Amino acid sequence: MTAGDLAVVLAIEQRSFPTPWSRASFEKELGTSWARLTVAEELHVTGGRLVGYTCTWRVVDEVELLNAAVHPACRGRGVGRALVSRVIDAASAEGVRTVTLEVRAGNQVARRLYADLGFRNVRVRRGYYGPGQDAMVMERRLR
């Protein structure tokens, strides 16, 4: 991801989450040395079209998936699976021990995807996303 991608990233972010990240949040992550921001593009479209992204942090031997989204019109095509698989593969190649994430407890589609990719529920963070909005903390061990 580059600063030039932010207009499209923000449009996807705003369509994907009730409390979307701000431009300043993405700009901060782009300038953070331990953050990795990745985009997915449809290659069959001339020049490519950005359709999804991830933001991760690498801290010692752990990668945390902070944010991931796919454009609503492109969901169900394997883009999210490819993005999260890329996070896992990159973490594994770097010798990371675990990948963690938080996901809204009510987001069954995302939770099913993460479970299919080997993540397991490790705890609940009550009210993480606001009153009555719990997060499931999920983890995948890599070695």
C-alpha atoms as a PDB file:
ATOM      1  CA  MET A   1       0.000   0.000   0.000  1.00  0.00           C
ATOM      2  CA  THR A   2       1.143   3.515  -0.777  1.00  0.00           C
ATOM      3  CA  ALA A   3      -0.252   6.945   0.037  1.00  0.00           C
ATOM      4  CA  GLY A   4      -1.647   6.962  -3.504  1.00  0.00           C
ATOM      5  CA  ASP A   5      -3.886   4.002  -2.603  1.00  0.00           C
ATOM      6  CA  LEU A   6      -5.558   5.737   0.335  1.00  0.00           C
ATOM      7  CA  ALA A   7      -8.588   7.188  -1.451  1.00  0.00           C
ATOM      8  CA  VAL A   8      -9.676   3.711  -2.585  1.00  0.00           C
ATOM      9  CA  VAL A   9      -8.663   2.088   0.716  1.00  0.00           C
ATOM     10  CA  LEU A  10     -10.727   4.634   2.646  1.00  0.00           C
ATOM     11  CA  ALA A  11     -13.748   4.052   0.404  1.00  0.00           C
ATOM     12  CA  ILE A  12     -13.532   0.296   1.088  1.00  0.00           C
ATOM     13  CA  GLU A  13     -12.941   0.918   4.802  1.00  0.00           C
ATOM     14  CA  GLN A  14     -16.002   3.139   5.100  1.00  0.00           C
ATOM     15  CA  ARG A  15     -18.216   0.590   3.338  1.00  0.00           C
ATOM     16  CA  SER A  16     -16.879  -2.255   5.477  1.00  0.00           C
ATOM     17  CA  PHE A  17     -16.939  -1.071   9.094  1.00  0.00           C
ATOM     18  CA  PRO A  18     -19.321   0.831  11.365  1.00  0.00           C
ATOM     19  CA  THR A  19     -16.319   2.648  12.902  1.00  0.00           C
ATOM     20  CA  PRO A  20     -13.828   2.962  10.044  1.00  0.00           C
ATOM     21  CA  TRP A  21     -10.208   3.968  10.382  1.00  0.00           C
ATOM     22  CA  SER A  22      -9.421   7.547   9.392  1.00  0.00           C
ATOM     23  CA  ARG A  23      -7.000   8.702   6.713  1.00  0.00           C
ATOM     24  CA  ALA A  24      -4.670   9.777   9.537  1.00  0.00           C
ATOM     25  CA  SER A  25      -4.721   6.227  10.955  1.00  0.00           C
ATOM     26  CA  PHE A  26      -3.648   4.728   7.635  1.00  0.00           C
ATOM     27  CA  GLU A  27      -1.039   7.454   7.112  1.00  0.00           C
ATOM     28  CA  LYS A  28       0.389   6.716  10.564  1.00  0.00           C
ATOM     29  CA  GLU A  29       0.613   2.996   9.764  1.00  0.00           C
ATOM     30  CA  LEU A  30       2.323   3.731   6.438  1.00  0.00           C
ATOM     31  CA  GLY A  31       5.031   5.549   8.412  1.00  0.00           C
ATOM     32  CA  THR A  32       5.433   2.869  11.094  1.00  0.00           C
ATOM     33  CA  SER A  33       8.489   0.661  10.601  1.00  0.00           C
ATOM     34  CA  TRP A  34       6.936  -2.479  12.103  1.00  0.00           C
ATOM     35  CA  ALA A  35       3.680  -2.147  10.144  1.00  0.00           C
ATOM     36  CA  ARG A  36       3.056  -3.859   6.830  1.00  0.00           C
ATOM     37  CA  LEU A  37       0.166  -2.700   4.647  1.00  0.00           C
ATOM     38  CA  THR A  38      -0.692  -4.827   1.639  1.00  0.00           C
ATOM     39  CA  VAL A  39      -3.259  -4.378  -1.122  1.00  0.00           C
ATOM     40  CA  ALA A  40      -4.962  -6.841  -3.444  1.00  0.00           C
ATOM     41  CA  GLU A  41      -5.664  -5.825  -7.022  1.00  0.00           C
ATOM     42  CA  GLU A  42      -7.738  -7.379  -9.773  1.00  0.00           C
ATOM     43  CA  LEU A  43      -5.104  -7.920 -12.425  1.00  0.00           C
ATOM     44  CA  HIS A  44      -7.474  -8.560 -15.318  1.00  0.00           C
ATOM     45  CA  VAL A  45      -8.608  -4.936 -15.073  1.00  0.00           C
ATOM     46  CA  THR A  46      -6.358  -2.581 -17.059  1.00  0.00           C
ATOM     47  CA  GLY A  47      -3.916  -1.046 -14.612  1.00  0.00           C
ATOM     48  CA  GLY A  48      -5.292  -3.185 -11.792  1.00  0.00           C
ATOM     49  CA  ARG A  49      -8.114  -2.229  -9.466  1.00  0.00           C
ATOM     50  CA  LEU A  50      -7.543  -2.208  -5.725  1.00  0.00           C
ATOM     51  CA  VAL A  51     -10.135  -4.529  -4.156  1.00  0.00           C
ATOM     52  CA  GLY A  52      -8.830  -5.226  -0.648  1.00  0.00           C
ATOM     53  CA  TYR A  53      -6.101  -4.671   1.900  1.00  0.00           C
ATOM     54  CA  THR A  54      -4.523  -5.773   5.162  1.00  0.00           C
ATOM     55  CA  CYS A  55      -2.597  -3.974   7.865  1.00  0.00           C
ATOM     56  CA  THR A  56      -0.362  -5.978  10.193  1.00  0.00           C
ATOM     57  CA  TRP A  57       2.176  -5.326  12.908  1.00  0.00           C
ATOM     58  CA  ARG A  58       5.214  -7.485  13.536  1.00  0.00           C
ATOM     59  CA  VAL A  59       6.259  -7.409  17.180  1.00  0.00           C
ATOM     60  CA  VAL A  60       9.125  -9.763  18.076  1.00  0.00           C
ATOM     61  CA  ASP A  61       7.788 -13.245  17.211  1.00  0.00           C
ATOM     62  CA  GLU A  62       4.138 -12.325  16.658  1.00  0.00           C
ATOM     63  CA  VAL A  63       2.179 -10.748  13.816  1.00  0.00           C
ATOM     64  CA  GLU A  64      -1.098  -9.047  14.614  1.00  0.00           C
ATOM     65  CA  LEU A  65      -3.622  -8.583  11.830  1.00  0.00           C
ATOM     66  CA  LEU A  66      -5.019  -5.155  12.704  1.00  0.00           C
ATOM     67  CA  ASN A  67      -7.276  -4.512   9.748  1.00  0.00           C
ATOM     68  CA  ALA A  68      -8.475  -6.342   6.662  1.00  0.00           C
ATOM     69  CA  ALA A  69     -11.247  -5.575   4.221  1.00  0.00           C
ATOM     70  CA  VAL A  70     -12.458  -6.451   0.739  1.00  0.00           C
ATOM     71  CA  HIS A  71     -14.638  -4.226  -1.431  1.00  0.00           C
ATOM     72  CA  PRO A  72     -18.246  -5.370  -0.946  1.00  0.00           C
ATOM     73  CA  ALA A  73     -18.695  -6.010  -4.694  1.00  0.00           C
ATOM     74  CA  CYS A  74     -15.686  -8.360  -4.668  1.00  0.00           C
ATOM     75  CA  ARG A  75     -16.510 -10.454  -1.602  1.00  0.00           C
ATOM     76  CA  GLY A  76     -16.986 -14.176  -2.004  1.00  0.00           C
ATOM     77  CA  ARG A  77     -14.287 -14.425  -4.686  1.00  0.00           C
ATOM     78  CA  GLY A  78     -11.407 -15.531  -2.456  1.00  0.00           C
ATOM     79  CA  VAL A  79      -9.780 -12.112  -2.108  1.00  0.00           C
ATOM     80  CA  GLY A  80      -9.991 -12.102   1.697  1.00  0.00           C
ATOM     81  CA  ARG A  81      -8.681 -15.664   1.869  1.00  0.00           C
ATOM     82  CA  ALA A  82      -5.756 -14.721  -0.393  1.00  0.00           C
ATOM     83  CA  LEU A  83      -4.923 -11.642   1.680  1.00  0.00           C
ATOM     84  CA  VAL A  84      -4.975 -13.483   5.019  1.00  0.00           C
ATOM     85  CA  SER A  85      -3.086 -16.438   3.530  1.00  0.00           C
ATOM     86  CA  ARG A  86      -0.436 -13.956   2.385  1.00  0.00           C
ATOM     87  CA  VAL A  87      -0.160 -12.638   5.952  1.00  0.00           C
ATOM     88  CA  ILE A  88       0.293 -16.189   7.265  1.00  0.00           C
ATOM     89  CA  ASP A  89       2.832 -17.138   4.581  1.00  0.00           C
ATOM     90  CA  ALA A  90       4.901 -13.977   5.114  1.00  0.00           C
ATOM     91  CA  ALA A  91       4.856 -14.430   8.891  1.00  0.00           C
ATOM     92  CA  SER A  92       5.905 -18.064   8.566  1.00  0.00           C
ATOM     93  CA  ALA A  93       8.743 -17.167   6.190  1.00  0.00           C
ATOM     94  CA  GLU A  94       9.988 -14.625   8.746  1.00  0.00           C
ATOM     95  CA  GLY A  95      10.039 -17.210  11.547  1.00  0.00           C
ATOM     96  CA  VAL A  96       7.095 -15.704  13.433  1.00  0.00           C
ATOM     97  CA  ARG A  97       5.485 -17.994  16.018  1.00  0.00           C
ATOM     98  CA  THR A  98       1.875 -16.744  16.017  1.00  0.00           C
ATOM     99  CA  VAL A  99      -0.566 -14.600  14.087  1.00  0.00           C
ATOM    100  CA  THR A 100      -3.345 -12.995  16.127  1.00  0.00           C
ATOM    101  CA  LEU A 101      -6.395 -10.870  15.365  1.00  0.00           C
ATOM    102  CA  GLU A 102      -9.612  -9.513  16.820  1.00  0.00           C
ATOM    103  CA  VAL A 103     -12.883  -9.952  14.974  1.00  0.00           C
ATOM    104  CA  ARG A 104     -16.402  -8.844  15.846  1.00  0.00           C
ATOM    105  CA  ALA A 105     -18.109 -11.725  17.610  1.00  0.00           C
ATOM    106  CA  GLY A 106     -21.119 -11.311  15.315  1.00  0.00           C
ATOM    107  CA  ASN A 107     -19.093 -11.393  12.087  1.00  0.00           C
ATOM    108  CA  GLN A 108     -19.713 -15.039  11.259  1.00  0.00           C
ATOM    109  CA  VAL A 109     -18.368 -14.815   7.700  1.00  0.00           C
ATOM    110  CA  ALA A 110     -14.972 -13.523   8.858  1.00  0.00           C
ATOM    111  CA  ARG A 111     -14.820 -15.910  11.818  1.00  0.00           C
ATOM    112  CA  ARG A 112     -15.519 -18.862   9.508  1.00  0.00           C
ATOM    113  CA  LEU A 113     -12.800 -17.722   7.093  1.00  0.00           C
ATOM    114  CA  TYR A 114     -10.265 -17.379   9.905  1.00  0.00           C
ATOM    115  CA  ALA A 115     -11.205 -20.793  11.327  1.00  0.00           C
ATOM    116  CA  ASP A 116     -10.818 -22.337   7.846  1.00  0.00           C
ATOM    117  CA  LEU A 117      -7.314 -20.836   7.745  1.00  0.00           C
ATOM    118  CA  GLY A 118      -6.359 -22.465  11.044  1.00  0.00           C
ATOM    119  CA  PHE A 119      -7.153 -19.723  13.571  1.00  0.00           C
ATOM    120  CA  ARG A 120      -8.754 -20.709  16.863  1.00  0.00           C
ATOM    121  CA  ASN A 121     -10.676 -18.668  19.415  1.00  0.00           C
ATOM    122  CA  VAL A 122      -8.517 -17.910  22.452  1.00  0.00           C
ATOM    123  CA  ARG A 123     -10.604 -15.351  24.391  1.00  0.00           C
ATOM    124  CA  VAL A 124     -13.363 -12.758  24.268  1.00  0.00           C
ATOM    125  CA  ARG A 125     -12.787  -9.025  24.737  1.00  0.00           C
ATOM    126  CA  ARG A 126     -16.077  -7.713  26.086  1.00  0.00           C
ATOM    127  CA  GLY A 127     -17.158  -4.371  24.670  1.00  0.00           C
ATOM    128  CA  TYR A 128     -14.036  -4.086  22.495  1.00  0.00           C
ATOM    129  CA  TYR A 129     -15.973  -2.483  19.636  1.00  0.00           C
ATOM    130  CA  GLY A 130     -18.344  -0.575  21.949  1.00  0.00           C
ATOM    131  CA  PRO A 131     -21.203  -1.485  24.280  1.00  0.00           C
ATOM    132  CA  GLY A 132     -22.479  -4.954  23.417  1.00  0.00           C
ATOM    133  CA  GLN A 133     -19.871  -5.295  20.644  1.00  0.00           C
ATOM    134  CA  ASP A 134     -17.521  -8.058  21.778  1.00  0.00           C
ATOM    135  CA  ALA A 135     -14.399  -9.154  19.950  1.00  0.00           C
ATOM    136  CA  MET A 136     -13.176 -12.689  19.568  1.00  0.00           C
ATOM    137  CA  VAL A 137      -9.401 -12.904  19.844  1.00  0.00           C
ATOM    138  CA  MET A 138      -8.200 -15.561  17.430  1.00  0.00           C
ATOM    139  CA  GLU A 139      -4.750 -17.021  17.035  1.00  0.00           C
ATOM    140  CA  ARG A 140      -2.879 -19.240  14.638  1.00  0.00           C
ATOM    141  CA  ARG A 141       0.344 -20.855  15.787  1.00  0.00           C
ATOM    142  CA  LEU A 142       2.914 -21.245  13.029  1.00  0.00           C
ATOM    143  CA  ARG A 143       5.592 -23.391  14.682  1.00  0.00           C
END
